[in-house]
């Protein structure tokens, strides 16, 4: 049972890291295109993680 919890934690950590990477990339793209509204929304979303 402990192993199952460890696996769930690893999966959860990996999922969170992937979401952060995707958000970071989207913020970079929004900055490159000068989309300030999207930048604000994505940065707010990043803070919620």
PDB file of N, CA and C in Angstrom:
ATOM      1  N   UNK A   1       0.821  -1.188   0.000  1.00  0.00           N
ATOM      2  CA  UNK A   1       0.000   0.000   0.000  1.00  0.00           C
ATOM      3  C   UNK A   1       0.867   1.256   0.000  1.00  0.00           C
ATOM      4  N   UNK A   2       1.940   1.233   0.740  1.00  0.00           N
ATOM      5  CA  UNK A   2       2.853   2.373   0.780  1.00  0.00           C
ATOM      6  C   UNK A   2       3.447   2.634  -0.601  1.00  0.00           C
ATOM      7  N   UNK A   3       3.734   1.561  -1.323  1.00  0.00           N
ATOM      8  CA  UNK A   3       4.280   1.694  -2.668  1.00  0.00           C
ATOM      9  C   UNK A   3       3.268   2.379  -3.583  1.00  0.00           C
ATOM     10  N   UNK A   4       2.000   2.048  -3.430  1.00  0.00           N
ATOM     11  CA  UNK A   4       0.955   2.670  -4.229  1.00  0.00           C
ATOM     12  C   UNK A   4       0.897   4.167  -3.955  1.00  0.00           C
ATOM     13  N   UNK A   5       0.986   4.559  -2.713  1.00  0.00           N
ATOM     14  CA  UNK A   5       0.982   5.984  -2.369  1.00  0.00           C
ATOM     15  C   UNK A   5       2.198   6.691  -2.953  1.00  0.00           C
ATOM     16  N   UNK A   6       3.331   6.022  -2.920  1.00  0.00           N
ATOM     17  CA  UNK A   6       4.546   6.599  -3.496  1.00  0.00           C
ATOM     18  C   UNK A   6       4.388   6.783  -4.999  1.00  0.00           C
ATOM     19  N   UNK A   7       3.771   5.812  -5.657  1.00  0.00           N
ATOM     20  CA  UNK A   7       3.543   5.905  -7.095  1.00  0.00           C
ATOM     21  C   UNK A   7       2.590   7.051  -7.418  1.00  0.00           C
ATOM     22  N   UNK A   8       1.544   7.198  -6.632  1.00  0.00           N
ATOM     23  CA  UNK A   8       0.584   8.281  -6.840  1.00  0.00           C
ATOM     24  C   UNK A   8       1.280   9.625  -6.657  1.00  0.00           C
ATOM     25  N   UNK A   9       2.138   9.727  -5.648  1.00  0.00           N
ATOM     26  CA  UNK A   9       2.878  10.972  -5.412  1.00  0.00           C
ATOM     27  C   UNK A   9       3.793  11.285  -6.594  1.00  0.00           C
ATOM     28  N   UNK A  10       4.504  10.280  -7.098  1.00  0.00           N
ATOM     29  CA  UNK A  10       5.401  10.491  -8.239  1.00  0.00           C
ATOM     30  C   UNK A  10       4.617  10.956  -9.463  1.00  0.00           C
ATOM     31  N   UNK A  11       3.486  10.311  -9.705  1.00  0.00           N
ATOM     32  CA  UNK A  11       2.662  10.693 -10.854  1.00  0.00           C
ATOM     33  C   UNK A  11       2.149  12.112 -10.686  1.00  0.00           C
ATOM     34  N   UNK A  12       1.705  12.438  -9.495  1.00  0.00           N
ATOM     35  CA  UNK A  12       1.204  13.784  -9.215  1.00  0.00           C
ATOM     36  C   UNK A  12       2.301  14.832  -9.399  1.00  0.00           C
ATOM     37  N   UNK A  13       3.478  14.547  -8.900  1.00  0.00           N
ATOM     38  CA  UNK A  13       4.613  15.467  -9.051  1.00  0.00           C
ATOM     39  C   UNK A  13       4.982  15.654 -10.519  1.00  0.00           C
ATOM     40  N   UNK A  14       4.986  14.560 -11.265  1.00  0.00           N
ATOM     41  CA  UNK A  14       5.304  14.631 -12.689  1.00  0.00           C
ATOM     42  C   UNK A  14       4.255  15.445 -13.434  1.00  0.00           C
ATOM     43  N   UNK A  15       2.997  15.218 -13.101  1.00  0.00           N
ATOM     44  CA  UNK A  15       1.905  15.948 -13.744  1.00  0.00           C
ATOM     45  C   UNK A  15       2.028  17.450 -13.485  1.00  0.00           C
ATOM     46  N   UNK A  16       2.286  17.801 -12.241  1.00  0.00           N
ATOM     47  CA  UNK A  16       2.443  19.221 -11.879  1.00  0.00           C
ATOM     48  C   UNK A  16       3.638  19.840 -12.626  1.00  0.00           C
ATOM     49  N   UNK A  17       4.729  19.123 -12.702  1.00  0.00           N
ATOM     50  CA  UNK A  17       5.918  19.623 -13.402  1.00  0.00           C
ATOM     51  C   UNK A  17       5.622  19.835 -14.888  1.00  0.00           C
ATOM     52  N   UNK A  18       4.876  18.921 -15.487  1.00  0.00           N
ATOM     53  CA  UNK A  18       4.514  19.069 -16.897  1.00  0.00           C
ATOM     54  C   UNK A  18       3.623  20.279 -17.122  1.00  0.00           C
ATOM     55  N   UNK A  19       2.676  20.496 -16.230  1.00  0.00           N
ATOM     56  CA  UNK A  19       1.800  21.668 -16.341  1.00  0.00           C
ATOM     57  C   UNK A  19       2.622  22.949 -16.220  1.00  0.00           C
ATOM     58  N   UNK A  20       3.559  22.974 -15.278  1.00  0.00           N
ATOM     59  CA  UNK A  20       4.402  24.156 -15.112  1.00  0.00           C
ATOM     60  C   UNK A  20       5.249  24.419 -16.359  1.00  0.00           C
ATOM     61  N   UNK A  21       5.789  23.371 -16.951  1.00  0.00           N
ATOM     62  CA  UNK A  21       6.591  23.530 -18.174  1.00  0.00           C
ATOM     63  C   UNK A  21       5.740  24.086 -19.310  1.00  0.00           C
ATOM     64  N   UNK A  22       4.526  23.550 -19.448  1.00  0.00           N
ATOM     65  CA  UNK A  22       3.638  24.031 -20.509  1.00  0.00           C
ATOM     66  C   UNK A  22       3.262  25.491 -20.284  1.00  0.00           C
ATOM     67  N   UNK A  23       2.949  25.840 -19.049  1.00  0.00           N
ATOM     68  CA  UNK A  23       2.600  27.231 -18.750  1.00  0.00           C
ATOM     69  C   UNK A  23       3.778  28.162 -19.001  1.00  0.00           C
ATOM     70  N   UNK A  24       4.968  27.734 -18.602  1.00  0.00           N
ATOM     71  CA  UNK A  24       6.162  28.547 -18.824  1.00  0.00           C
ATOM     72  C   UNK A  24       6.357  28.796 -20.321  1.00  0.00           C
ATOM     73  N   UNK A  25       6.189  27.769 -21.109  1.00  0.00           N
ATOM     74  CA  UNK A  25       6.330  27.917 -22.564  1.00  0.00           C
ATOM     75  C   UNK A  25       5.257  28.861 -23.115  1.00  0.00           C
ATOM     76  N   UNK A  26       4.041  28.704 -22.666  1.00  0.00           N
ATOM     77  CA  UNK A  26       2.955  29.560 -23.155  1.00  0.00           C
ATOM     78  C   UNK A  26       3.183  31.019 -22.768  1.00  0.00           C
ATOM     79  N   UNK A  27       3.733  31.240 -21.573  1.00  0.00           N
ATOM     80  CA  UNK A  27       4.054  32.610 -21.147  1.00  0.00           C
ATOM     81  C   UNK A  27       5.135  33.191 -22.055  1.00  0.00           C
ATOM     82  N   UNK A  28       6.158  32.404 -22.363  1.00  0.00           N
ATOM     83  CA  UNK A  28       7.229  32.867 -23.255  1.00  0.00           C
ATOM     84  C   UNK A  28       6.673  33.248 -24.623  1.00  0.00           C
ATOM     85  N   UNK A  29       5.789  32.428 -25.151  1.00  0.00           N
ATOM     86  CA  UNK A  29       5.189  32.705 -26.461  1.00  0.00           C
ATOM     87  C   UNK A  29       4.332  33.966 -26.391  1.00  0.00           C
ATOM     88  N   UNK A  30       3.549  34.102 -25.324  1.00  0.00           N
ATOM     89  CA  UNK A  30       2.706  35.291 -25.165  1.00  0.00           C
ATOM     90  C   UNK A  30       3.560  36.551 -25.048  1.00  0.00           C
ATOM     91  N   UNK A  31       4.683  36.457 -24.332  1.00  0.00           N
ATOM     92  CA  UNK A  31       5.589  37.608 -24.222  1.00  0.00           C
ATOM     93  C   UNK A  31       6.182  37.967 -25.582  1.00  0.00           C
ATOM     94  N   UNK A  32       6.563  36.950 -26.341  1.00  0.00           N
ATOM     95  CA  UNK A  32       7.158  37.183 -27.656  1.00  0.00           C
ATOM     96  C   UNK A  32       6.166  37.862 -28.598  1.00  0.00           C
ATOM     97  N   UNK A  33       4.890  37.560 -28.421  1.00  0.00           N
ATOM     98  CA  UNK A  33       3.884  38.166 -29.296  1.00  0.00           C
ATOM     99  C   UNK A  33       3.302  39.447 -28.701  1.00  0.00           C
ATOM    100  N   UNK A  34       3.696  39.764 -27.452  1.00  0.00           N
ATOM    101  CA  UNK A  34       3.248  40.998 -26.823  1.00  0.00           C
ATOM    102  C   UNK A  34       1.817  40.958 -26.331  1.00  0.00           C
ATOM    103  N   UNK A  35       1.292  39.774 -26.074  1.00  0.00           N
ATOM    104  CA  UNK A  35      -0.094  39.621 -25.635  1.00  0.00           C
ATOM    105  C   UNK A  35      -0.176  39.760 -24.102  1.00  0.00           C
ATOM    106  N   UNK A  36      -0.327  40.980 -23.635  1.00  0.00           N
ATOM    107  CA  UNK A  36      -0.299  41.268 -22.198  1.00  0.00           C
ATOM    108  C   UNK A  36      -1.470  40.618 -21.446  1.00  0.00           C
ATOM    109  N   UNK A  37      -2.638  40.580 -22.072  1.00  0.00           N
ATOM    110  CA  UNK A  37      -3.793  39.965 -21.413  1.00  0.00           C
ATOM    111  C   UNK A  37      -3.547  38.483 -21.157  1.00  0.00           C
ATOM    112  N   UNK A  38      -3.034  37.797 -22.159  1.00  0.00           N
ATOM    113  CA  UNK A  38      -2.748  36.374 -22.009  1.00  0.00           C
ATOM    114  C   UNK A  38      -1.640  36.146 -20.984  1.00  0.00           C
ATOM    115  N   UNK A  39      -0.646  36.996 -20.976  1.00  0.00           N
ATOM    116  CA  UNK A  39       0.440  36.881 -19.998  1.00  0.00           C
ATOM    117  C   UNK A  39      -0.124  36.947 -18.584  1.00  0.00           C
ATOM    118  N   UNK A  40      -0.998  37.915 -18.339  1.00  0.00           N
ATOM    119  CA  UNK A  40      -1.601  38.061 -17.003  1.00  0.00           C
ATOM    120  C   UNK A  40      -2.385  36.811 -16.606  1.00  0.00           C
ATOM    121  N   UNK A  41      -3.183  36.303 -17.537  1.00  0.00           N
ATOM    122  CA  UNK A  41      -3.991  35.118 -17.252  1.00  0.00           C
ATOM    123  C   UNK A  41      -3.094  33.918 -16.943  1.00  0.00           C
ATOM    124  N   UNK A  42      -2.069  33.717 -17.751  1.00  0.00           N
ATOM    125  CA  UNK A  42      -1.174  32.571 -17.553  1.00  0.00           C
ATOM    126  C   UNK A  42      -0.363  32.709 -16.268  1.00  0.00           C
ATOM    127  N   UNK A  43       0.076  33.916 -15.952  1.00  0.00           N
ATOM    128  CA  UNK A  43       0.820  34.117 -14.703  1.00  0.00           C
ATOM    129  C   UNK A  43      -0.073  33.883 -13.499  1.00  0.00           C
ATOM    130  N   UNK A  44      -1.333  34.288 -13.586  1.00  0.00           N
ATOM    131  CA  UNK A  44      -2.282  34.000 -12.507  1.00  0.00           C
ATOM    132  C   UNK A  44      -2.485  32.502 -12.347  1.00  0.00           C
ATOM    133  N   UNK A  45      -2.577  31.811 -13.474  1.00  0.00           N
ATOM    134  CA  UNK A  45      -2.739  30.364 -13.440  1.00  0.00           C
ATOM    135  C   UNK A  45      -1.506  29.701 -12.805  1.00  0.00           C
ATOM    136  N   UNK A  46      -0.328  30.204 -13.133  1.00  0.00           N
ATOM    137  CA  UNK A  46       0.906  29.656 -12.568  1.00  0.00           C
ATOM    138  C   UNK A  46       0.931  29.822 -11.042  1.00  0.00           C
ATOM    139  N   UNK A  47       0.431  30.951 -10.561  1.00  0.00           N
ATOM    140  CA  UNK A  47       0.403  31.197  -9.108  1.00  0.00           C
ATOM    141  C   UNK A  47      -0.505  30.214  -8.384  1.00  0.00           C
ATOM    142  N   UNK A  48      -1.508  29.695  -9.073  1.00  0.00           N
ATOM    143  CA  UNK A  48      -2.449  28.764  -8.454  1.00  0.00           C
ATOM    144  C   UNK A  48      -1.873  27.368  -8.277  1.00  0.00           C
ATOM    145  N   UNK A  49      -0.773  27.098  -8.933  1.00  0.00           N
ATOM    146  CA  UNK A  49      -0.181  25.761  -8.817  1.00  0.00           C
ATOM    147  C   UNK A  49       0.486  25.531  -7.510  1.00  0.00           C
TER     148      UNK A  49
END
